[in-house]
Amino acid sequence: MGTAFNIRAAERQLEILKEMGFNSLRTSHNMPAPELLDLCDKMGILVMDESFDCWQRGKTPNDYSVLFDDWSARDLRAEADRDRNHPSVIMWSIGNEMPDLNTPIGPTLSARLSSYIKGEDATRATVFGSNSGKAMNNGLEKGVDIYGQNYAVKNYPKFKALNPRQPFIGSETSSTVSSRGEYYFPVTSNINDSKGLFQISSFDLYFPYWATTPDVEFKALEQNPFAMGEYVWTGFDYLGEPTPFNSDITNLLNFSSQAEKDKAEKELKELGKIACPSRSSYFGIVDLCGFKKDRFYLYQSVWKPELPMAHILPHWNWSDRVGLVTPVQVYTSGDEAELFVNGVSMGRKKKAQYEYRLRWDSVVYQPGEVKVVAYKNGEKWAEDKVKTTGDASQLKLSPDKKTIKTYGYDLSYVTVTVADKEGLQVPKSNNKIQFEVTGAGEIVAVDNGDATDLNSFQSNEYKAFNGLALVMVRSKKGVSGKITITAKADGLKSNEVTIESK
């Protein structure tokens, strides 16, 4: 959609994240749009309001470090003046992974920047995001009210021992990578077993050197209950930084260990020899379109324990794996579950302490139906099932809003599903879809969530990615009436849906 802020676009992102169970947003790594804070006020979302990504020492040529000495005081005061009346703001972040964390002047800068904020708003805490083990006890931690640790779960108990009375938060966590609807075998914890053609398996076991799985972070927070919580990198995929398929050396800034940094630098140099087609990241819990990855349900199972839910992965269209071991995993807010393949029980499993997913690693693939029945405290809690589908035969259209407003910026997000004759989404389908809009609206963008698809977002045709595509429709300013969206693809039954602009 470009860089101009769109209120409905941001509102939709927040709605999706709230469905997952999140209650707090960290802005990264610069001052947020005021409209975003307005939305957080209205929707009951707590905010870590962040300022800089560097202080005096820079990370890239011509970054904020060249302005820091002249502008940091004025910018921080302006940020606090502008945002302090937003009830959603609960803390001010004065920086993220600054190279100054490991310099003698770091403690002075930390205290000085906090004082600028406190001069405008003494009612909220200050914090920064640290990727340095030294910053826990070299004086930097005393310059802020809350210590933020990026990754490095091993530092959680260490910080508590060093600073028993100071609040602590996981300011950047996980960085698991995955592609929606992609699964590779064998299912191991080795990231090299998980890569396809510039795609990452969605079994949610894979991450860069500095990062970890959601499960490891959940365990760290349970074992260290003094921690306020975690901010996951990231809620949504975003343009740029397609780790692990990039040569972006800014990733090296995540390392506090020189040995790990040297190892990563070697790999990044090797990756730099590859012509990488990826346009966007793989970190998101949700893809660029807003389509949920499997990981969404892992977080939901932990963050919304009161919600009866179960989610099976992978899909069950594996014609090339008949008779082969095809592991199945289940994310559930229940505490145990029983898995069935074509009505035959694969066994009932109970979550052990610090276990957040259930795994049946010996399932042999046969086409048909996989079903799970989850239990909580011995009672039936939730069910889910996946089926082997037929061939793709039709397109289904589903708008998130059937009525939009005529002010010219309101949006309806229409999900297009490639389905079989029973209406089931067909995995791995990538049909090219043509879009047409008539009436009181227009297409503003199209996408599919595929990090490797370089087609223009402003095209009127797009391939589906693993059975899904998205068309975003905008109202025409001052024009009321019906808007009809039509989707067509060769060999498939076309379809249309009508929404209204009022």
Protein backbone atom coordinates (compact mmCIF):
# COMPACT_ATOMS: atom_id res chain seq x y z
CA MET A 1 0.00 0.00 0.00
CA GLY A 2 3.01 2.29 0.22
CA THR A 3 4.29 4.09 3.30
CA ALA A 4 1.33 6.37 4.08
CA PHE A 5 -0.41 5.27 7.27
CA ASN A 6 -3.82 3.62 6.76
CA ILE A 7 -5.97 3.33 9.88
CA ARG A 8 -7.99 0.31 8.72
CA ALA A 9 -4.86 -1.57 7.68
CA ALA A 10 -3.31 -1.11 11.14
CA GLU A 11 -6.61 -1.87 12.88
CA ARG A 12 -6.87 -5.18 11.02
CA GLN A 13 -3.34 -6.15 12.07
CA LEU A 14 -4.18 -5.44 15.70
CA GLU A 15 -7.46 -7.38 15.45
CA ILE A 16 -5.61 -10.44 14.17
CA LEU A 17 -3.01 -10.21 16.94
CA LYS A 18 -5.71 -9.79 19.60
CA GLU A 19 -7.36 -12.96 18.32
CA MET A 20 -4.05 -14.68 19.02
CA GLY A 21 -4.13 -13.43 22.61
CA PHE A 22 -1.54 -10.66 22.62
CA ASN A 23 -2.13 -7.64 24.86
CA SER A 24 0.94 -5.48 24.30
CA LEU A 25 2.83 -4.01 21.35
CA ARG A 26 6.44 -2.92 21.15
CA THR A 27 7.08 -0.41 18.37
CA SER A 28 10.39 -0.92 16.61
CA HIS A 29 12.72 0.81 16.28
CA ASN A 30 11.52 4.38 15.99
CA MET A 31 8.65 6.59 17.09
CA PRO A 32 5.23 5.17 16.16
CA ALA A 33 2.55 6.86 14.12
CA PRO A 34 0.15 8.70 16.48
CA GLU A 35 -2.79 6.99 14.73
CA LEU A 36 -1.38 3.62 15.85
CA LEU A 37 -1.45 4.80 19.46
CA ASP A 38 -5.02 6.05 18.98
CA LEU A 39 -5.98 2.52 17.90
CA CYS A 40 -4.19 0.97 20.89
CA ASP A 41 -6.04 3.36 23.22
CA LYS A 42 -9.38 2.29 21.75
CA MET A 43 -8.60 -1.43 21.56
CA GLY A 44 -7.03 -1.82 25.01
CA ILE A 45 -3.49 -2.64 23.86
CA LEU A 46 -0.50 -1.72 26.05
CA VAL A 47 2.46 -0.12 24.26
CA MET A 48 6.21 0.06 24.69
CA ASP A 49 6.80 3.35 22.85
CA GLU A 50 10.29 3.10 21.30
CA SER A 51 12.59 5.80 20.02
CA PHE A 52 16.00 4.90 18.53
CA ASP A 53 17.93 1.99 17.07
CA CYS A 54 21.29 3.54 17.87
CA TRP A 55 22.91 6.23 20.01
CA GLN A 56 26.33 7.81 19.41
CA ARG A 57 27.73 4.72 17.72
CA GLY A 58 26.07 3.89 14.43
CA LYS A 59 25.15 0.63 12.72
CA THR A 60 24.92 1.73 9.10
CA PRO A 61 26.17 4.79 7.17
CA ASN A 62 24.17 7.97 7.79
CA ASP A 63 21.91 6.46 10.45
CA TYR A 64 20.63 8.32 13.52
CA SER A 65 24.09 8.35 15.13
CA VAL A 66 25.07 11.33 12.94
CA LEU A 67 22.18 13.31 14.46
CA PHE A 68 22.28 11.90 17.97
CA ASP A 69 24.29 14.55 19.80
CA ASP A 70 22.31 17.44 18.30
CA TRP A 71 18.83 15.94 18.25
CA SER A 72 18.35 13.12 20.79
CA ALA A 73 17.25 15.43 23.63
CA ARG A 74 14.77 17.34 21.45
CA ASP A 75 13.45 14.18 19.79
CA LEU A 76 12.88 12.29 23.05
CA ARG A 77 11.16 15.27 24.66
CA ALA A 78 8.97 15.73 21.59
CA GLU A 79 8.08 12.03 21.63
CA ALA A 80 7.07 12.17 25.29
CA ASP A 81 5.13 15.43 24.80
CA ARG A 82 3.24 13.99 21.85
CA ASP A 83 2.46 10.54 23.30
CA ARG A 84 2.19 11.00 27.07
CA ASN A 85 -1.59 11.46 27.03
CA HIS A 86 -2.15 8.07 25.37
CA PRO A 87 -3.31 5.69 28.11
CA SER A 88 -2.03 2.77 26.02
CA VAL A 89 1.61 3.82 26.55
CA ILE A 90 3.02 2.04 29.60
CA MET A 91 6.78 2.46 29.07
CA TRP A 92 9.28 4.41 27.02
CA SER A 93 12.08 2.56 25.21
CA ILE A 94 15.16 4.73 24.77
CA GLY A 95 16.90 2.37 22.34
CA ASN A 96 17.43 -1.05 20.84
CA GLU A 97 20.65 -3.07 20.60
CA MET A 98 22.84 0.00 20.63
CA PRO A 99 26.58 -0.56 20.02
CA ASP A 100 27.11 1.90 22.93
CA LEU A 101 26.01 -0.86 25.35
CA ASN A 102 29.60 -2.11 25.36
CA THR A 103 31.33 1.26 25.70
CA PRO A 104 32.36 3.22 28.81
CA ILE A 105 29.99 6.07 27.92
CA GLY A 106 26.98 3.74 27.73
CA PRO A 107 25.86 4.17 31.38
CA THR A 108 26.03 7.96 31.08
CA LEU A 109 23.95 7.93 27.89
CA SER A 110 21.39 5.57 29.41
CA ALA A 111 20.82 7.82 32.43
CA ARG A 112 20.83 11.00 30.33
CA LEU A 113 18.23 9.75 27.84
CA SER A 114 15.97 8.55 30.64
CA SER A 115 16.22 11.95 32.28
CA TYR A 116 14.98 13.65 29.09
CA ILE A 117 11.88 11.42 29.14
CA LYS A 118 11.36 11.82 32.89
CA GLY A 119 11.47 15.59 32.51
CA GLU A 120 8.32 15.38 30.37
CA ASP A 121 6.63 12.35 31.95
CA ALA A 122 7.65 11.05 35.35
CA THR A 123 4.69 8.62 35.54
CA ARG A 124 5.98 5.85 33.27
CA ALA A 125 9.01 3.59 33.26
CA THR A 126 11.96 3.72 30.86
CA VAL A 127 13.50 0.64 29.26
CA PHE A 128 15.90 -0.37 26.48
CA GLY A 129 16.41 -3.56 24.48
CA SER A 130 19.80 -5.11 25.23
CA ASN A 131 21.78 -7.68 23.26
CA SER A 132 24.79 -7.29 25.55
CA GLY A 133 25.60 -9.48 28.54
CA LYS A 134 27.74 -6.66 29.95
CA ALA A 135 24.84 -4.21 30.18
CA MET A 136 23.30 -6.24 33.03
CA ASN A 137 25.81 -4.93 35.56
CA ASN A 138 28.08 -2.27 34.04
CA GLY A 139 25.87 0.63 35.11
CA LEU A 140 23.70 0.78 32.01
CA GLU A 141 20.93 -1.11 33.77
CA LYS A 142 20.77 1.60 36.45
CA GLY A 143 19.90 4.25 33.86
CA VAL A 144 16.48 2.71 33.16
CA ASP A 145 13.59 1.51 35.31
CA ILE A 146 13.09 -1.79 33.45
CA TYR A 147 15.82 -3.94 31.91
CA GLY A 148 14.94 -5.36 28.49
CA GLN A 149 16.77 -8.48 27.32
CA ASN A 150 16.75 -9.38 23.63
CA TYR A 151 16.97 -13.19 23.19
CA ALA A 152 19.62 -14.81 25.49
CA VAL A 153 17.20 -16.61 27.81
CA LYS A 154 20.21 -17.78 29.82
CA ASN A 155 20.55 -14.19 31.05
CA TYR A 156 17.12 -14.11 32.71
CA PRO A 157 18.14 -15.69 36.04
CA LYS A 158 21.56 -14.01 35.87
CA PHE A 159 19.96 -10.58 35.74
CA LYS A 160 17.67 -11.40 38.66
CA ALA A 161 20.65 -12.46 40.77
CA LEU A 162 22.53 -9.26 39.92
CA ASN A 163 19.54 -6.90 40.21
CA PRO A 164 16.95 -8.53 42.50
CA ARG A 165 14.71 -5.45 42.78
CA GLN A 166 14.70 -4.22 39.17
CA PRO A 167 11.82 -5.13 36.80
CA PHE A 168 12.78 -7.23 33.78
CA ILE A 169 11.20 -8.01 30.40
CA GLY A 170 11.98 -10.09 27.32
CA SER A 171 12.14 -7.10 24.98
CA GLU A 172 12.76 -9.13 21.81
CA THR A 173 12.31 -12.89 21.64
CA SER A 174 12.04 -16.01 19.52
CA SER A 175 12.69 -14.95 15.87
CA THR A 176 11.46 -18.33 14.66
CA VAL A 177 11.25 -18.46 10.86
CA SER A 178 8.65 -20.22 8.71
CA SER A 179 6.69 -20.04 5.45
CA ARG A 180 2.94 -20.50 5.62
CA GLY A 181 1.87 -23.94 4.42
CA GLU A 182 5.37 -25.24 3.64
CA TYR A 183 6.52 -28.55 5.22
CA TYR A 184 9.72 -30.50 4.66
CA PHE A 185 10.91 -33.91 5.76
CA PRO A 186 12.53 -35.38 7.75
CA VAL A 187 11.26 -33.29 10.66
CA THR A 188 14.36 -32.58 12.72
CA SER A 189 15.66 -29.62 14.70
CA ASN A 190 18.31 -28.96 12.02
CA ILE A 191 17.45 -25.89 9.99
CA ASN A 192 19.21 -27.40 6.98
CA ASP A 193 16.51 -30.11 6.89
CA SER A 194 13.83 -27.45 6.85
CA LYS A 195 14.65 -25.40 3.77
CA GLY A 196 12.96 -25.59 0.40
CA LEU A 197 13.53 -23.29 -2.54
CA PHE A 198 13.89 -20.13 -0.44
CA GLN A 199 11.11 -21.33 1.89
CA ILE A 200 11.25 -22.52 5.52
CA SER A 201 9.26 -25.41 6.97
CA SER A 202 6.21 -24.49 9.05
CA PHE A 203 6.89 -27.06 11.77
CA ASP A 204 8.11 -24.08 13.84
CA LEU A 205 11.40 -25.61 14.91
CA TYR A 206 13.80 -23.35 13.04
CA PHE A 207 15.57 -20.10 13.87
CA PRO A 208 18.83 -18.16 13.26
CA TYR A 209 21.83 -18.50 15.55
CA TRP A 210 20.80 -15.79 17.99
CA ALA A 211 17.20 -16.89 18.33
CA THR A 212 15.07 -19.79 19.55
CA THR A 213 11.69 -21.49 19.26
CA PRO A 214 8.57 -20.14 20.98
CA ASP A 215 8.69 -23.20 23.27
CA VAL A 216 12.09 -22.28 24.72
CA GLU A 217 10.90 -18.76 25.49
CA PHE A 218 7.68 -20.04 27.11
CA LYS A 219 9.78 -22.29 29.34
CA ALA A 220 12.16 -19.46 30.27
CA LEU A 221 9.24 -17.24 31.30
CA GLU A 222 7.69 -20.03 33.38
CA GLN A 223 11.00 -20.71 35.11
CA ASN A 224 11.61 -17.00 35.69
CA PRO A 225 8.22 -15.62 36.75
CA PHE A 226 9.73 -12.26 37.75
CA ALA A 227 9.87 -11.45 34.01
CA MET A 228 7.03 -9.17 32.91
CA GLY A 229 6.53 -11.04 29.64
CA GLU A 230 7.91 -11.08 26.10
CA TYR A 231 7.78 -9.13 22.86
CA VAL A 232 8.09 -11.57 19.95
CA TRP A 233 9.99 -10.72 16.78
CA THR A 234 7.64 -10.43 14.89
CA GLY A 235 3.86 -10.30 14.75
CA PHE A 236 3.71 -9.91 10.95
CA ASP A 237 6.14 -10.60 8.15
CA TYR A 238 7.58 -7.38 6.71
CA LEU A 239 9.37 -6.22 3.58
CA GLY A 240 13.14 -6.76 3.70
CA GLU A 241 15.46 -8.82 5.95
CA PRO A 242 14.62 -12.31 4.58
CA THR A 243 16.76 -14.22 7.10
CA PRO A 244 18.14 -16.88 6.60
CA PHE A 245 18.22 -16.18 2.86
CA ASN A 246 20.07 -12.87 2.94
CA SER A 247 23.44 -11.23 3.28
CA ASP A 248 22.24 -8.41 5.50
CA ILE A 249 25.13 -7.92 7.91
CA THR A 250 22.96 -5.91 10.29
CA ASN A 251 21.91 -9.33 11.59
CA LEU A 252 25.34 -9.53 13.23
CA LEU A 253 24.21 -6.86 15.67
CA ASN A 254 22.11 -9.48 17.44
CA PHE A 255 25.20 -11.24 18.80
CA SER A 256 26.94 -10.49 22.07
CA SER A 257 29.43 -13.39 21.71
CA GLN A 258 32.33 -12.74 19.34
CA ALA A 259 32.59 -16.44 18.50
CA GLU A 260 28.94 -16.59 17.49
CA LYS A 261 29.30 -13.35 15.54
CA ASP A 262 32.30 -14.74 13.62
CA LYS A 263 30.38 -17.91 12.82
CA ALA A 264 27.37 -15.94 11.58
CA GLU A 265 29.56 -13.59 9.53
CA LYS A 266 31.09 -16.58 7.76
CA GLU A 267 27.64 -17.93 6.89
CA LEU A 268 26.37 -14.54 5.75
CA LYS A 269 29.34 -14.18 3.40
CA GLU A 270 28.53 -17.57 1.92
CA LEU A 271 24.87 -16.66 1.58
CA GLY A 272 25.89 -13.48 -0.18
CA LYS A 273 26.97 -15.58 -3.16
CA ILE A 274 23.37 -16.66 -3.69
CA ALA A 275 21.05 -14.51 -5.76
CA CYS A 276 18.24 -14.41 -3.21
CA PRO A 277 14.78 -13.67 -4.62
CA SER A 278 13.08 -13.11 -1.28
CA ARG A 279 11.34 -9.76 -0.89
CA SER A 280 10.19 -10.13 2.71
CA SER A 281 10.89 -11.71 6.07
CA TYR A 282 10.02 -15.16 7.45
CA PHE A 283 9.88 -14.10 11.12
CA GLY A 284 6.16 -13.30 11.25
CA ILE A 285 3.63 -15.28 13.26
CA VAL A 286 1.30 -14.02 10.52
CA ASP A 287 2.33 -13.59 6.89
CA LEU A 288 2.43 -10.38 4.87
CA CYS A 289 -1.25 -10.77 3.88
CA GLY A 290 -2.45 -11.35 7.42
CA PHE A 291 -2.91 -15.09 6.83
CA LYS A 292 -2.11 -17.08 9.95
CA LYS A 293 0.90 -19.36 9.99
CA ASP A 294 0.80 -22.49 12.16
CA ARG A 295 2.78 -20.61 14.81
CA PHE A 296 -0.24 -18.36 15.40
CA TYR A 297 -1.99 -21.29 17.06
CA LEU A 298 1.02 -22.20 19.20
CA TYR A 299 0.99 -18.71 20.69
CA GLN A 300 -2.79 -18.75 20.99
CA SER A 301 -2.65 -22.02 22.91
CA VAL A 302 -0.43 -20.38 25.55
CA TRP A 303 -1.70 -16.80 25.52
CA LYS A 304 -5.43 -17.70 25.52
CA PRO A 305 -5.54 -20.76 27.79
CA GLU A 306 -9.25 -20.20 28.43
CA LEU A 307 -10.08 -20.66 24.71
CA PRO A 308 -10.93 -24.25 23.73
CA MET A 309 -8.72 -24.77 20.67
CA ALA A 310 -6.70 -27.41 18.85
CA HIS A 311 -4.70 -27.11 15.63
CA ILE A 312 -3.16 -29.90 13.53
CA LEU A 313 -0.14 -29.59 11.25
CA PRO A 314 0.80 -30.38 8.51
CA HIS A 315 -1.89 -30.55 5.81
CA TRP A 316 -2.78 -34.07 4.62
CA ASN A 317 -2.11 -33.97 0.86
CA TRP A 318 1.04 -36.09 0.46
CA SER A 319 0.55 -38.32 -2.60
CA ASP A 320 4.32 -38.86 -2.78
CA ARG A 321 4.53 -40.06 0.84
CA VAL A 322 2.09 -42.99 0.94
CA GLY A 323 3.52 -45.52 3.39
CA LEU A 324 6.20 -43.06 4.62
CA VAL A 325 6.55 -41.60 8.10
CA THR A 326 4.89 -38.18 8.10
CA PRO A 327 4.97 -36.65 11.60
CA VAL A 328 1.94 -34.82 12.98
CA GLN A 329 1.99 -32.07 15.60
CA VAL A 330 -0.86 -30.51 17.59
CA TYR A 331 -1.05 -27.11 19.26
CA THR A 332 -3.78 -26.99 21.89
CA SER A 333 -4.81 -25.11 25.01
CA GLY A 334 -5.76 -28.48 26.43
CA ASP A 335 -3.34 -30.54 28.49
CA GLU A 336 -3.59 -33.81 26.54
CA ALA A 337 -4.95 -35.12 23.24
CA GLU A 338 -5.63 -38.25 21.22
CA LEU A 339 -4.83 -38.41 17.51
CA PHE A 340 -6.73 -40.48 14.96
CA VAL A 341 -5.78 -41.30 11.36
CA ASN A 342 -8.76 -42.59 9.40
CA GLY A 343 -10.44 -43.45 12.69
CA VAL A 344 -7.49 -45.42 14.09
CA SER A 345 -5.97 -44.05 17.30
CA MET A 346 -2.32 -43.06 17.17
CA GLY A 347 -2.29 -42.81 20.96
CA ARG A 348 -3.15 -40.30 23.63
CA LYS A 349 -0.42 -37.94 24.77
CA LYS A 350 -0.20 -35.59 27.76
CA LYS A 351 1.90 -32.46 27.92
CA ALA A 352 4.84 -32.76 30.27
CA GLN A 353 5.99 -29.77 32.32
CA TYR A 354 7.44 -27.10 30.01
CA GLU A 355 5.98 -28.86 26.96
CA TYR A 356 3.83 -26.74 24.66
CA ARG A 357 3.17 -28.96 21.65
CA LEU A 358 2.17 -32.59 21.23
CA ARG A 359 4.02 -34.70 18.67
CA TRP A 360 3.24 -37.98 16.94
CA ASP A 361 6.52 -38.53 15.12
CA SER A 362 5.81 -42.05 13.81
CA VAL A 363 2.57 -41.49 11.86
CA VAL A 364 2.64 -43.23 8.46
CA TYR A 365 0.87 -41.33 5.70
CA GLN A 366 -2.30 -42.69 4.15
CA PRO A 367 -4.78 -40.36 2.43
CA GLY A 368 -7.95 -39.62 4.38
CA GLU A 369 -8.60 -37.74 7.60
CA VAL A 370 -6.48 -36.81 10.61
CA LYS A 371 -8.46 -35.83 13.70
CA VAL A 372 -7.44 -34.76 17.16
CA VAL A 373 -9.54 -34.68 20.32
CA ALA A 374 -8.03 -32.48 23.03
CA TYR A 375 -8.80 -32.78 26.74
CA LYS A 376 -8.40 -30.46 29.71
CA ASN A 377 -8.56 -31.73 33.27
CA GLY A 378 -9.83 -35.05 31.88
CA GLU A 379 -12.78 -33.50 30.03
CA LYS A 380 -13.19 -33.07 26.27
CA TRP A 381 -11.95 -29.60 25.36
CA ALA A 382 -11.53 -29.07 21.60
CA GLU A 383 -11.27 -30.89 18.26
CA ASP A 384 -9.61 -30.29 14.90
CA LYS A 385 -9.26 -32.27 11.70
CA VAL A 386 -7.55 -32.07 8.33
CA LYS A 387 -8.53 -34.02 5.23
CA THR A 388 -6.92 -35.07 1.98
CA THR A 389 -8.62 -32.83 -0.55
CA GLY A 390 -9.70 -33.37 -4.11
CA ASP A 391 -8.29 -31.46 -7.06
CA ALA A 392 -8.72 -27.70 -7.19
CA SER A 393 -12.03 -26.88 -8.86
CA GLN A 394 -13.26 -23.49 -7.64
CA LEU A 395 -12.43 -20.11 -6.10
CA LYS A 396 -14.05 -18.93 -2.86
CA LEU A 397 -14.15 -15.26 -1.83
CA SER A 398 -14.52 -14.06 1.74
CA PRO A 399 -14.39 -10.34 2.67
CA ASP A 400 -13.43 -9.33 6.20
CA LYS A 401 -15.92 -6.41 5.96
CA LYS A 402 -19.11 -6.44 3.90
CA THR A 403 -19.67 -2.70 4.40
CA ILE A 404 -17.04 0.01 4.12
CA LYS A 405 -17.25 3.80 4.41
CA THR A 406 -17.12 6.28 1.56
CA TYR A 407 -14.34 8.52 2.88
CA GLY A 408 -11.90 6.98 0.38
CA TYR A 409 -9.47 5.18 2.69
CA ASP A 410 -11.62 2.39 4.13
CA LEU A 411 -10.68 -1.14 3.10
CA SER A 412 -12.18 -4.59 2.73
CA TYR A 413 -9.70 -7.46 2.69
CA VAL A 414 -11.05 -10.24 0.47
CA THR A 415 -9.48 -13.67 0.98
CA VAL A 416 -9.48 -15.84 -2.13
CA THR A 417 -9.27 -19.59 -1.50
CA VAL A 418 -8.44 -22.23 -4.11
CA ALA A 419 -10.83 -25.03 -3.11
CA ASP A 420 -11.92 -28.50 -4.18
CA LYS A 421 -15.55 -29.33 -4.99
CA GLU A 422 -16.30 -29.74 -1.25
CA GLY A 423 -14.98 -26.25 -0.52
CA LEU A 424 -11.76 -27.40 1.21
CA GLN A 425 -8.61 -25.33 0.69
CA VAL A 426 -6.23 -27.23 -1.60
CA PRO A 427 -2.66 -27.15 -0.23
CA LYS A 428 0.21 -26.37 -2.59
CA SER A 429 -2.15 -24.89 -5.20
CA ASN A 430 -0.66 -21.87 -6.97
CA ASN A 431 -3.16 -21.03 -9.69
CA LYS A 432 -2.84 -17.60 -11.31
CA ILE A 433 -5.93 -15.58 -10.37
CA GLN A 434 -7.31 -12.56 -12.23
CA PHE A 435 -9.15 -9.92 -10.19
CA GLU A 436 -11.74 -7.38 -11.30
CA VAL A 437 -13.66 -4.79 -9.30
CA THR A 438 -16.69 -2.84 -10.50
CA GLY A 439 -18.86 -0.23 -8.81
CA ALA A 440 -18.02 2.14 -5.98
CA GLY A 441 -14.59 0.74 -5.14
CA GLU A 442 -11.17 -0.10 -6.58
CA ILE A 443 -8.33 -2.55 -6.04
CA VAL A 444 -5.58 -1.00 -3.93
CA ALA A 445 -3.30 -4.05 -3.63
CA VAL A 446 -3.05 -7.82 -4.10
CA ASP A 447 -0.71 -10.38 -2.51
CA ASN A 448 -0.32 -14.02 -1.50
CA GLY A 449 2.09 -14.05 1.46
CA ASP A 450 4.88 -15.74 -0.53
CA ALA A 451 8.20 -14.13 0.41
CA THR A 452 9.65 -15.06 -2.99
CA ASP A 453 6.89 -13.64 -5.20
CA LEU A 454 8.17 -10.46 -6.85
CA ASN A 455 4.96 -9.63 -8.70
CA SER A 456 3.75 -6.05 -8.20
CA PHE A 457 1.30 -5.53 -5.34
CA GLN A 458 -0.60 -3.24 -7.74
CA SER A 459 -1.16 -5.96 -10.33
CA ASN A 460 -4.68 -7.19 -11.13
CA GLU A 461 -3.53 -10.81 -11.17
CA TYR A 462 -1.56 -12.86 -8.70
CA LYS A 463 -0.71 -16.49 -8.10
CA ALA A 464 -2.18 -18.19 -5.07
CA PHE A 465 0.38 -19.37 -2.52
CA ASN A 466 -0.51 -22.67 -0.89
CA GLY A 467 -4.16 -22.14 -1.69
CA LEU A 468 -4.63 -18.49 -0.69
CA ALA A 469 -4.46 -15.02 -2.20
CA LEU A 470 -5.65 -11.60 -1.05
CA VAL A 471 -7.26 -8.66 -2.83
CA MET A 472 -7.62 -5.37 -0.95
CA VAL A 473 -10.51 -3.17 -2.05
CA ARG A 474 -10.78 0.53 -1.22
CA SER A 475 -13.85 2.76 -1.37
CA LYS A 476 -13.97 5.62 -3.86
CA LYS A 477 -14.17 8.92 -2.02
CA GLY A 478 -17.72 10.20 -1.78
CA VAL A 479 -19.17 7.37 -3.89
CA SER A 480 -21.74 5.11 -2.27
CA GLY A 481 -23.13 1.90 -3.69
CA LYS A 482 -22.25 -1.71 -4.34
CA ILE A 483 -18.74 -3.00 -5.07
CA THR A 484 -18.45 -6.34 -6.86
CA ILE A 485 -15.17 -8.28 -6.71
CA THR A 486 -14.68 -11.09 -9.24
CA ALA A 487 -11.92 -13.72 -9.22
CA LYS A 488 -11.14 -15.99 -12.18
CA ALA A 489 -8.54 -18.66 -12.91
CA ASP A 490 -8.07 -21.02 -15.83
CA GLY A 491 -9.66 -24.40 -15.17
CA LEU A 492 -11.46 -23.28 -12.01
CA LYS A 493 -15.00 -22.11 -11.38
CA SER A 494 -14.92 -18.33 -11.00
CA ASN A 495 -16.69 -16.51 -8.21
CA GLU A 496 -17.67 -13.06 -7.06
CA VAL A 497 -18.68 -11.27 -3.88
CA THR A 498 -20.46 -7.95 -3.35
CA ILE A 499 -19.79 -5.47 -0.56
CA GLU A 500 -21.28 -2.02 -0.05
CA SER A 501 -19.79 1.44 0.37
CA LYS A 502 -21.90 3.72 2.57
